[in-house]
Amino acid sequence: MPTPDHLRAVDIDFSMDSCDVARRLIGVTLLVNGIGGRIVETEAYDQQDPASHTYTGPSVRNAAMFGPPAHVYVYRSYGLHWCMNLVCREAGHGAGVLLRALEPTHGLEAMCERRGLQDPRLLCAGPGRLAQALGVDHSWNHRPVQPPTFALLWNGQAADVLAGSRIGISKAVETPWRFGERGSRYLSRGFGRGA
């Protein structure tokens, strides 16, 4: 798929700390086979973090998180929804960024069909919804984040990024490793007053 005129490819250094990657991804357009949108919400995880799947070390389930950076880690949440993470830091470290919400911009018809709804605000507002809208399931686990399947694009304008507590976890809840675009209507959950 050709790159839209107002967007250009952006090179994210996935070997960086997961918090840095999570923050830098806000405002970047992610396309999976030409379908996707602007990333408006992320969460960072690291092996030293008690809320991370990697906290207790490598396993069959979390093996992708211990692989090389710039790869996909997909897991099922509560036995219901697939969730997509992008692996960070060096291989063996166990860090990544959970993609929590997109503002859908490309392939809305396909996303609506996959999700069985029409409201663009609900298509990708939450990690399970996002993965379903993009057609991502466990078969995507370990895949490299590279063209032609994946595109990371940027319009050249820095996003106004908020940081706050992560949601949907029971450990290290207070850790401010959830990042979102201020004022976005497409977040899975707001960041509180003034956000």
Protein backbone atom coordinates (compact mmCIF):
# COMPACT_ATOMS: atom_id res chain seq x y z
CA MET A 1 0.00 0.00 0.00
CA PRO A 2 1.44 3.41 -0.89
CA THR A 3 2.21 5.78 1.98
CA PRO A 4 -0.34 8.62 2.23
CA ASP A 5 1.18 11.95 1.17
CA HIS A 6 0.94 13.55 4.62
CA LEU A 7 2.70 10.62 6.34
CA ARG A 8 6.25 9.36 6.18
CA ALA A 9 7.91 6.24 7.48
CA VAL A 10 9.27 6.62 11.00
CA ASP A 11 12.03 4.53 12.50
CA ILE A 12 11.27 3.67 16.13
CA ASP A 13 14.26 2.33 18.05
CA PHE A 14 12.70 -0.67 19.76
CA SER A 15 15.96 -1.38 21.61
CA MET A 16 15.12 1.54 23.91
CA ASP A 17 13.45 1.27 27.30
CA SER A 18 9.78 0.24 27.01
CA CYS A 19 8.58 3.52 28.59
CA ASP A 20 10.46 5.53 25.99
CA VAL A 21 9.04 3.43 23.17
CA ALA A 22 5.51 3.59 24.63
CA ARG A 23 5.69 7.39 24.79
CA ARG A 24 7.20 7.75 21.30
CA LEU A 25 4.55 5.57 19.70
CA ILE A 26 1.78 8.03 20.64
CA GLY A 27 0.77 9.85 17.45
CA VAL A 28 2.45 7.31 15.15
CA THR A 29 0.21 5.62 12.60
CA LEU A 30 0.36 1.83 12.71
CA LEU A 31 -0.85 -0.09 9.67
CA VAL A 32 -1.17 -3.86 9.57
CA ASN A 33 -1.66 -4.96 5.97
CA GLY A 34 -2.79 -1.39 5.20
CA ILE A 35 -5.37 -1.26 8.00
CA GLY A 36 -5.02 0.74 11.21
CA GLY A 37 -4.66 4.24 12.55
CA ARG A 38 -2.90 6.66 14.89
CA ILE A 39 -1.73 5.14 18.14
CA VAL A 40 -3.37 7.16 20.93
CA GLU A 41 -2.77 4.93 23.98
CA THR A 42 -0.03 2.52 25.10
CA GLU A 43 1.25 0.83 28.25
CA ALA A 44 4.86 -0.10 29.04
CA TYR A 45 5.97 -3.34 30.72
CA ASP A 46 9.41 -4.55 31.82
CA GLN A 47 10.73 -7.76 33.39
CA GLN A 48 11.41 -5.98 36.72
CA ASP A 49 7.74 -4.93 36.77
CA PRO A 50 5.46 -7.19 38.88
CA ALA A 51 2.57 -6.53 36.45
CA SER A 52 4.52 -7.84 33.46
CA HIS A 53 4.02 -11.30 31.95
CA THR A 54 7.81 -11.61 32.03
CA TYR A 55 8.28 -10.89 35.75
CA THR A 56 8.73 -14.57 36.68
CA GLY A 57 10.99 -15.33 33.71
CA PRO A 58 10.65 -16.98 30.31
CA SER A 59 7.82 -19.40 29.57
CA VAL A 60 6.11 -20.86 26.51
CA ARG A 61 3.44 -18.14 26.74
CA ASN A 62 5.78 -15.13 26.98
CA ALA A 63 8.69 -16.38 24.82
CA ALA A 64 8.17 -13.65 22.21
CA MET A 65 8.78 -10.96 24.86
CA PHE A 66 12.24 -12.43 25.46
CA GLY A 67 13.03 -12.46 21.74
CA PRO A 68 14.52 -9.70 19.64
CA PRO A 69 13.05 -6.19 19.74
CA ALA A 70 10.63 -4.95 17.07
CA HIS A 71 8.66 -8.20 17.11
CA VAL A 72 5.06 -8.88 18.11
CA TYR A 73 3.96 -10.56 21.33
CA VAL A 74 0.30 -11.64 21.27
CA TYR A 75 -1.51 -13.10 24.26
CA ARG A 76 -5.11 -13.84 25.19
CA SER A 77 -6.58 -11.68 27.94
CA TYR A 78 -8.98 -13.36 30.36
CA GLY A 79 -9.40 -16.17 27.84
CA LEU A 80 -11.41 -13.87 25.56
CA HIS A 81 -9.45 -11.25 23.63
CA TRP A 82 -6.13 -11.21 21.80
CA CYS A 83 -3.85 -8.34 22.80
CA MET A 84 -0.88 -7.07 20.79
CA ASN A 85 2.44 -5.89 22.23
CA LEU A 86 5.60 -4.68 20.55
CA VAL A 87 8.79 -6.11 22.06
CA CYS A 88 11.45 -3.67 23.31
CA ARG A 89 15.01 -3.64 24.61
CA GLU A 90 17.59 -6.32 23.87
CA ALA A 91 16.71 -9.98 23.35
CA GLY A 92 16.40 -11.76 26.65
CA HIS A 93 15.20 -8.71 28.59
CA GLY A 94 11.44 -9.28 28.52
CA ALA A 95 10.06 -5.78 27.88
CA GLY A 96 7.31 -4.54 25.63
CA VAL A 97 4.56 -2.06 24.88
CA LEU A 98 0.89 -3.00 24.94
CA LEU A 99 -1.08 -1.20 22.24
CA ARG A 100 -4.23 -0.01 24.03
CA ALA A 101 -6.01 2.24 21.52
CA LEU A 102 -5.90 3.60 17.97
CA GLU A 103 -7.75 6.37 16.24
CA PRO A 104 -8.87 4.42 13.15
CA THR A 105 -7.84 6.11 9.90
CA HIS A 106 -7.20 3.39 7.30
CA GLY A 107 -9.44 0.48 6.33
CA LEU A 108 -12.46 1.48 8.39
CA GLU A 109 -14.78 -0.77 6.38
CA ALA A 110 -12.66 -3.85 7.15
CA MET A 111 -12.37 -2.88 10.83
CA CYS A 112 -16.13 -2.37 11.11
CA GLU A 113 -16.74 -5.77 9.55
CA ARG A 114 -14.26 -7.50 11.88
CA ARG A 115 -15.71 -5.80 14.94
CA GLY A 116 -19.37 -6.00 13.89
CA LEU A 117 -20.06 -2.32 14.64
CA GLN A 118 -19.97 1.08 13.00
CA ASP A 119 -18.93 3.53 15.73
CA PRO A 120 -15.32 4.54 14.93
CA ARG A 121 -14.75 5.54 18.58
CA LEU A 122 -15.28 1.94 19.69
CA LEU A 123 -13.40 0.14 16.90
CA CYS A 124 -9.96 0.22 18.56
CA ALA A 125 -10.62 1.61 22.07
CA GLY A 126 -9.04 -1.12 24.17
CA PRO A 127 -6.35 -3.72 23.45
CA GLY A 128 -8.77 -6.55 22.61
CA ARG A 129 -10.83 -4.37 20.29
CA LEU A 130 -7.66 -3.05 18.64
CA ALA A 131 -6.29 -6.52 17.87
CA GLN A 132 -9.63 -7.72 16.53
CA ALA A 133 -10.01 -4.63 14.31
CA LEU A 134 -6.52 -5.18 12.89
CA GLY A 135 -7.11 -8.90 12.37
CA VAL A 136 -4.36 -9.85 14.84
CA ASP A 137 -4.56 -13.19 16.65
CA HIS A 138 -2.04 -15.65 18.11
CA SER A 139 -0.72 -16.51 14.64
CA TRP A 140 0.93 -13.05 14.69
CA ASN A 141 3.03 -13.91 17.76
CA HIS A 142 6.82 -13.53 17.10
CA ARG A 143 6.33 -11.71 13.76
CA PRO A 144 8.78 -8.91 12.99
CA VAL A 145 7.39 -5.37 12.86
CA GLN A 146 8.59 -4.59 9.35
CA PRO A 147 7.26 -3.86 5.86
CA PRO A 148 5.32 -4.88 3.94
CA THR A 149 3.06 -6.29 6.67
CA PHE A 150 3.63 -3.50 9.18
CA ALA A 151 4.04 0.22 8.56
CA LEU A 152 4.89 2.84 11.17
CA LEU A 153 4.19 6.33 9.81
CA TRP A 154 4.29 9.85 11.19
CA ASN A 155 2.87 13.21 10.11
CA GLY A 156 5.82 15.16 11.57
CA GLN A 157 3.85 16.69 14.44
CA ALA A 158 4.65 15.66 18.01
CA ALA A 159 1.66 14.47 20.04
CA ASP A 160 0.78 16.01 23.41
CA VAL A 161 1.38 12.94 25.60
CA LEU A 162 -0.12 12.27 29.02
CA ALA A 163 1.16 9.66 31.50
CA GLY A 164 -0.91 7.90 34.12
CA SER A 165 -1.57 4.69 35.99
CA ARG A 166 -2.06 1.50 34.02
CA ILE A 167 -5.47 -0.15 33.97
CA GLY A 168 -6.77 -3.71 33.88
CA ILE A 169 -4.00 -5.03 36.16
CA SER A 170 -3.81 -5.87 39.87
CA LYS A 171 -0.08 -5.33 40.59
CA ALA A 172 1.94 -2.11 40.31
CA VAL A 173 -1.26 -0.30 39.35
CA GLU A 174 0.13 3.04 40.51
CA THR A 175 3.14 2.87 38.14
CA PRO A 176 2.57 5.73 35.63
CA TRP A 177 3.40 3.70 32.54
CA ARG A 178 0.20 4.28 30.58
CA PHE A 179 0.59 6.93 27.90
CA GLY A 180 -2.08 8.64 25.84
CA GLU A 181 -2.73 11.54 23.55
CA ARG A 182 -4.25 14.49 25.37
CA GLY A 183 -7.80 15.20 24.21
CA SER A 184 -8.17 12.06 22.09
CA ARG A 185 -11.73 10.78 21.73
CA TYR A 186 -10.40 7.29 20.99
CA LEU A 187 -8.78 6.35 24.32
CA SER A 188 -9.91 3.16 26.05
CA ARG A 189 -10.29 5.22 29.24
CA GLY A 190 -9.61 8.84 30.08
CA PHE A 191 -6.71 10.15 32.13
CA GLY A 192 -8.81 12.21 34.52
CA ARG A 193 -9.62 15.87 34.79
CA GLY A 194 -7.95 18.23 32.37
CA ALA A 195 -6.84 15.45 30.04
